[in-house]
N, C-alpha and C. Protein backbone atom coordinates (compact mmCIF):
# COMPACT_ATOMS: atom_id res chain seq x y z
N MET A 1 44.92 143.87 76.42
CA MET A 1 45.78 143.47 77.35
C MET A 1 47.23 143.89 76.83
N SER A 2 47.76 144.16 77.97
CA SER A 2 49.00 144.37 78.01
C SER A 2 49.90 143.33 78.26
N ALA A 3 50.83 143.29 77.59
CA ALA A 3 51.98 142.16 77.79
C ALA A 3 52.88 142.61 78.90
N GLU A 4 53.01 141.74 79.97
CA GLU A 4 53.86 142.23 81.26
C GLU A 4 54.99 141.61 81.04
N PRO A 5 56.24 142.26 81.19
CA PRO A 5 57.40 141.54 81.09
C PRO A 5 57.72 140.43 82.25
N ARG A 6 57.98 139.48 81.88
CA ARG A 6 58.61 138.45 82.97
C ARG A 6 60.01 138.13 82.85
N SER A 7 60.42 137.86 84.23
CA SER A 7 61.99 137.93 84.27
C SER A 7 62.05 136.44 84.76
N THR A 8 63.40 136.05 84.54
CA THR A 8 63.49 134.38 84.71
C THR A 8 64.92 134.71 85.60
N VAL A 9 64.68 133.88 86.78
CA VAL A 9 65.61 133.78 87.53
C VAL A 9 66.46 132.49 87.58
N VAL A 10 67.61 132.42 87.60
CA VAL A 10 68.36 131.30 87.60
C VAL A 10 69.57 131.59 88.78
N ALA A 11 69.19 130.20 89.72
CA ALA A 11 69.80 130.37 90.86
C ALA A 11 71.36 129.24 90.75
N ILE A 12 72.38 130.04 90.82
CA ILE A 12 73.55 129.10 90.64
C ILE A 12 74.17 129.19 91.97
N GLU A 13 74.39 127.66 92.38
CA GLU A 13 75.21 127.81 93.92
C GLU A 13 76.61 127.77 93.65
N ALA A 14 77.21 128.61 94.11
CA ALA A 14 78.49 128.76 94.15
C ALA A 14 79.28 127.86 95.38
N GLU A 15 80.37 127.31 94.42
CA GLU A 15 81.16 126.56 95.36
C GLU A 15 82.03 127.21 96.28
N SER A 16 82.38 126.76 97.51
CA SER A 16 82.88 127.28 98.48
C SER A 16 84.44 127.47 98.05
N PRO A 17 85.11 128.39 98.34
CA PRO A 17 86.62 127.92 97.70
C PRO A 17 87.33 127.16 98.84
N ARG A 18 87.93 126.02 98.56
CA ARG A 18 88.73 125.10 99.13
C ARG A 18 89.99 125.67 99.41
N SER A 19 90.78 125.49 100.90
CA SER A 19 92.22 126.05 101.27
C SER A 19 92.99 124.88 100.56
N TRP A 20 94.17 125.49 100.47
CA TRP A 20 95.29 124.72 99.84
C TRP A 20 95.30 123.51 100.83
N ALA A 21 95.25 123.57 102.10
CA ALA A 21 95.40 122.38 102.74
C ALA A 21 94.42 121.13 102.64
N ALA A 22 93.23 121.65 102.28
CA ALA A 22 92.17 120.62 102.03
C ALA A 22 92.36 120.00 100.78
N VAL A 23 92.96 120.81 99.64
CA VAL A 23 93.28 120.37 98.44
C VAL A 23 94.52 119.13 98.80
N VAL A 24 95.50 119.60 99.18
CA VAL A 24 96.71 118.62 99.36
C VAL A 24 96.32 117.50 100.39
N LEU A 25 95.34 117.74 101.26
CA LEU A 25 95.11 116.41 102.17
C LEU A 25 94.29 115.44 101.42
N GLU A 26 93.57 116.21 100.32
CA GLU A 26 92.35 115.07 99.52
C GLU A 26 93.40 114.39 98.64
N SER A 27 94.42 114.74 98.04
CA SER A 27 95.14 114.41 96.91
C SER A 27 96.22 113.35 97.37
N SER A 28 96.60 113.64 98.83
CA SER A 28 97.46 112.89 99.40
C SER A 28 96.71 111.50 99.92
N SER A 29 95.45 111.69 100.25
CA SER A 29 94.62 110.58 100.83
C SER A 29 94.47 109.61 99.38
N LEU A 30 94.38 110.31 98.31
CA LEU A 30 94.17 109.29 96.96
C LEU A 30 95.47 108.69 96.80
N VAL A 31 96.67 109.38 96.88
CA VAL A 31 97.94 108.68 96.79
C VAL A 31 98.39 107.59 97.67
N VAL A 32 97.87 107.72 99.08
CA VAL A 32 98.14 106.83 100.05
C VAL A 32 97.19 105.71 99.67
N GLY A 33 95.95 105.75 99.58
CA GLY A 33 95.05 104.58 98.81
C GLY A 33 95.23 103.97 97.86
N ARG A 34 96.19 104.66 96.82
CA ARG A 34 96.59 103.86 95.76
C ARG A 34 97.97 103.10 95.99
N VAL A 35 98.58 103.63 96.99
CA VAL A 35 99.81 102.93 97.36
C VAL A 35 99.51 101.72 98.00
N GLY A 36 98.29 101.96 99.03
CA GLY A 36 97.94 100.79 100.08
C GLY A 36 97.46 99.53 99.33
N VAL A 37 96.91 99.87 98.27
CA VAL A 37 96.21 98.75 97.21
C VAL A 37 97.69 98.15 96.42
N TRP A 38 98.49 98.94 96.23
CA TRP A 38 99.58 98.13 95.56
C TRP A 38 100.18 97.32 96.36
N ALA A 39 100.87 97.87 97.59
CA ALA A 39 101.28 97.35 98.72
C ALA A 39 100.60 95.76 99.07
N ALA A 40 99.34 95.87 99.23
CA ALA A 40 98.56 94.92 99.47
C ALA A 40 98.44 93.79 98.26
N ASP A 41 98.56 94.08 97.02
CA ASP A 41 98.54 93.16 95.87
C ASP A 41 99.99 92.58 95.90
N THR A 42 101.01 93.52 95.81
CA THR A 42 102.34 93.09 96.27
C THR A 42 102.47 92.04 97.27
N ALA A 43 102.32 92.00 98.24
CA ALA A 43 102.37 91.30 99.54
C ALA A 43 101.77 89.98 99.31
N HIS A 44 100.46 90.09 98.32
CA HIS A 44 99.56 88.94 98.30
C HIS A 44 100.45 87.82 97.18
N GLN A 45 100.96 88.56 96.03
CA GLN A 45 101.75 87.97 94.97
C GLN A 45 102.76 87.25 96.03
N PHE A 46 103.83 88.05 96.66
CA PHE A 46 104.79 87.52 97.04
C PHE A 46 104.62 86.31 98.24
N GLY A 47 103.44 86.32 99.04
CA GLY A 47 102.93 85.21 99.85
C GLY A 47 102.80 84.26 98.85
N ALA A 48 102.14 84.32 97.66
CA ALA A 48 101.88 82.97 96.83
C ALA A 48 103.02 82.47 96.44
N MET A 49 104.02 83.54 96.08
CA MET A 49 105.63 82.82 95.55
C MET A 49 106.37 82.01 96.55
N VAL A 50 106.01 82.53 97.84
CA VAL A 50 106.96 81.92 99.14
C VAL A 50 106.03 80.67 99.40
N ALA A 51 104.75 80.63 99.49
CA ALA A 51 103.86 79.41 99.58
C ALA A 51 104.35 78.39 98.54
N ALA A 52 104.38 78.80 97.33
CA ALA A 52 105.08 77.72 96.11
C ALA A 52 106.51 76.94 96.54
N LEU A 53 106.96 78.03 97.17
CA LEU A 53 108.72 77.72 97.23
C LEU A 53 108.81 76.64 98.61
N MET A 54 107.70 76.81 99.65
CA MET A 54 107.81 76.17 100.68
C MET A 54 107.71 74.76 100.38
N GLY A 55 107.31 74.03 99.47
CA GLY A 55 107.12 72.77 99.12
C GLY A 55 108.48 72.08 99.25
N PRO A 56 109.33 72.60 98.54
CA PRO A 56 110.78 71.74 98.55
C PRO A 56 111.74 71.81 99.93
N ALA A 57 110.88 73.28 100.79
CA ALA A 57 111.67 73.67 101.97
C ALA A 57 111.23 72.47 102.83
N VAL A 58 109.77 71.93 102.84
CA VAL A 58 109.48 71.05 103.74
C VAL A 58 110.40 69.55 103.33
N LEU A 59 110.21 69.45 102.09
CA LEU A 59 110.99 68.17 101.75
C LEU A 59 112.16 67.91 102.15
N SER A 60 112.95 69.11 102.20
CA SER A 60 114.29 69.22 102.60
C SER A 60 114.43 68.91 104.18
N VAL A 61 113.58 69.63 104.82
CA VAL A 61 113.75 69.30 106.25
C VAL A 61 113.41 67.88 106.62
N TYR A 62 112.21 67.36 105.99
CA TYR A 62 112.07 65.78 106.40
C TYR A 62 113.01 64.93 105.93
N SER A 63 113.88 65.27 104.87
CA SER A 63 114.89 64.31 104.36
C SER A 63 116.09 64.55 105.70
N PHE A 64 116.31 65.62 106.05
CA PHE A 64 117.19 65.96 107.47
C PHE A 64 116.66 65.15 108.52
N VAL A 65 115.29 64.95 108.73
CA VAL A 65 114.93 63.96 109.97
C VAL A 65 115.07 62.67 109.67
N ALA A 66 114.96 62.15 108.39
CA ALA A 66 115.41 60.85 108.11
C ALA A 66 116.78 60.61 108.20
N TRP A 67 117.49 61.43 107.79
CA TRP A 67 119.21 61.29 107.70
C TRP A 67 119.50 61.34 109.11
N SER A 68 119.24 62.19 109.93
CA SER A 68 119.37 62.05 111.34
C SER A 68 119.19 61.09 112.04
N LEU A 69 117.81 60.27 112.10
CA LEU A 69 117.24 59.23 112.54
C LEU A 69 118.11 58.22 111.94
N ALA A 70 118.58 57.97 110.72
CA ALA A 70 119.39 56.82 110.16
C ALA A 70 120.84 57.20 110.68
N ALA A 71 121.42 58.20 111.01
CA ALA A 71 122.61 58.57 111.77
C ALA A 71 122.60 57.67 113.07
N ASN A 72 121.52 58.22 113.87
CA ASN A 72 121.43 57.78 114.98
C ASN A 72 121.17 56.19 115.30
N LEU A 73 120.76 55.83 114.51
CA LEU A 73 120.35 54.24 114.51
C LEU A 73 121.82 53.57 113.72
N GLY A 74 122.61 54.36 113.45
CA GLY A 74 123.84 53.48 112.87
C GLY A 74 123.65 53.02 111.39
N TRP A 75 122.70 53.61 110.74
CA TRP A 75 122.51 53.11 109.36
C TRP A 75 123.24 53.74 108.37
N THR A 76 123.71 55.04 108.72
CA THR A 76 124.65 55.92 107.74
C THR A 76 126.12 56.03 108.49
N ASP A 77 127.13 56.32 107.86
CA ASP A 77 128.36 56.88 108.66
C ASP A 77 128.26 58.26 109.35
N THR A 78 127.66 59.22 108.61
CA THR A 78 127.84 60.45 108.97
C THR A 78 126.49 61.10 109.03
N PHE A 79 126.80 62.30 109.85
CA PHE A 79 125.39 63.27 109.77
C PHE A 79 126.09 64.48 109.80
N VAL A 80 125.67 65.64 108.94
CA VAL A 80 126.28 66.81 108.64
C VAL A 80 126.29 67.35 110.34
N PHE A 81 125.50 67.41 111.02
CA PHE A 81 125.76 68.05 112.45
C PHE A 81 125.88 66.96 113.13
N LYS A 82 127.25 66.65 113.93
CA LYS A 82 127.82 65.49 114.71
C LYS A 82 127.47 65.88 116.26
N THR A 83 127.33 67.20 116.55
CA THR A 83 127.07 67.68 117.81
C THR A 83 126.23 68.57 117.99
N GLY A 84 125.56 68.84 118.93
CA GLY A 84 124.90 70.00 119.32
C GLY A 84 123.30 69.90 119.10
N PRO A 85 122.61 70.55 119.65
CA PRO A 85 121.00 70.38 119.18
C PRO A 85 120.44 69.81 117.82
N LEU A 86 121.19 70.51 116.79
CA LEU A 86 120.82 70.16 115.37
C LEU A 86 121.23 68.67 115.14
N SER A 87 122.05 67.95 116.01
CA SER A 87 122.33 66.64 115.59
C SER A 87 121.33 65.48 116.01
N ASN A 88 120.25 66.24 116.67
CA ASN A 88 118.95 65.29 117.15
C ASN A 88 118.05 65.06 116.05
N TRP A 89 117.54 64.14 115.84
CA TRP A 89 116.43 64.07 114.77
C TRP A 89 115.25 64.31 115.43
N MET A 90 114.94 64.68 116.70
CA MET A 90 113.57 65.29 117.16
C MET A 90 113.59 66.74 117.09
N ILE A 91 114.61 67.30 116.90
CA ILE A 91 114.51 68.65 116.53
C ILE A 91 114.47 69.10 115.23
N TRP A 92 115.02 67.97 114.31
CA TRP A 92 114.50 68.34 112.81
C TRP A 92 113.16 68.34 112.41
N MET A 93 112.43 67.04 113.50
CA MET A 93 110.99 66.60 113.38
C MET A 93 110.23 68.07 113.64
N ALA A 94 110.78 68.49 114.83
CA ALA A 94 109.77 69.85 115.38
C ALA A 94 110.14 70.91 114.28
N ILE A 95 111.15 71.14 113.56
CA ILE A 95 111.50 72.09 112.75
C ILE A 95 110.64 71.98 111.35
N ALA A 96 110.66 70.46 111.23
CA ALA A 96 109.67 70.02 109.84
C ALA A 96 108.34 70.25 109.95
N ILE A 97 107.51 70.05 111.35
CA ILE A 97 106.07 70.18 111.61
C ILE A 97 106.05 71.62 111.55
N LEU A 98 106.85 72.54 112.09
CA LEU A 98 106.61 73.80 112.05
C LEU A 98 106.82 74.62 110.53
N VAL A 99 107.39 74.02 109.94
CA VAL A 99 107.67 74.58 108.53
C VAL A 99 106.42 74.04 107.87
N THR A 100 105.80 72.83 107.97
CA THR A 100 104.66 72.48 107.36
C THR A 100 103.43 73.13 107.75
N LEU A 101 103.46 73.46 108.94
CA LEU A 101 102.18 74.45 109.40
C LEU A 101 102.40 75.57 108.80
N ALA A 102 103.43 76.39 108.60
CA ALA A 102 103.82 77.65 108.06
C ALA A 102 103.28 77.61 106.63
N ALA A 103 103.79 76.45 105.85
CA ALA A 103 103.63 76.30 104.94
C ALA A 103 102.13 76.35 104.26
N GLY A 104 101.39 75.59 104.83
CA GLY A 104 99.79 75.09 105.19
C GLY A 104 99.03 76.78 105.13
N ILE A 105 99.58 77.55 106.18
CA ILE A 105 98.92 78.90 106.69
C ILE A 105 99.16 79.93 105.63
N LEU A 106 100.17 79.92 105.08
CA LEU A 106 100.66 80.54 104.08
C LEU A 106 99.95 80.44 102.60
N ARG A 107 99.94 78.79 102.43
CA ARG A 107 99.20 78.58 101.25
C ARG A 107 97.63 78.87 101.17
N LYS A 108 97.05 78.85 102.63
CA LYS A 108 95.64 79.12 102.59
C LYS A 108 95.48 80.66 102.55
N ARG A 109 96.28 81.60 102.90
CA ARG A 109 96.07 82.92 103.10
C ARG A 109 96.52 83.55 101.91
N SER A 110 97.27 82.95 100.92
CA SER A 110 97.54 83.23 99.41
C SER A 110 96.69 83.01 98.43
N ARG A 111 95.88 82.20 98.72
CA ARG A 111 94.51 81.68 97.82
C ARG A 111 93.75 82.91 97.26
N THR A 112 93.43 82.90 96.18
CA THR A 112 92.70 84.24 95.93
C THR A 112 91.11 83.58 95.88
N GLU A 113 90.19 84.44 96.29
CA GLU A 113 88.96 83.71 96.28
C GLU A 113 87.92 84.59 95.47
N GLU A 114 87.53 83.98 94.95
CA GLU A 114 86.54 84.71 93.76
C GLU A 114 84.97 84.33 93.95
N TYR A 115 84.36 85.55 93.95
CA TYR A 115 83.09 85.56 94.19
C TYR A 115 82.22 85.63 93.20
């Protein structure tokens, strides 16, 4: 018996050359994705900070409601706004309700939910 030579073939798939436009597009999409994640995280943190600061704002507006109503009833001598729409306690009540609703919505949206 004679030994027959065996040949082994290895197939290597060559990667097709990418154009410079494809490389730029791929790298820019990665950068945009990372910037998007950073912006979303920053906005979430800013929303949480504003939600925390809305508490004193709500309290201040409700104190303007009480002060304006007391001035209208004659219980106090003066109010900051003597004439105009801001001299009416109902305007301040509407502002107070809107600020309270905005604070609630912002607080609800800025909560982190862990699964």
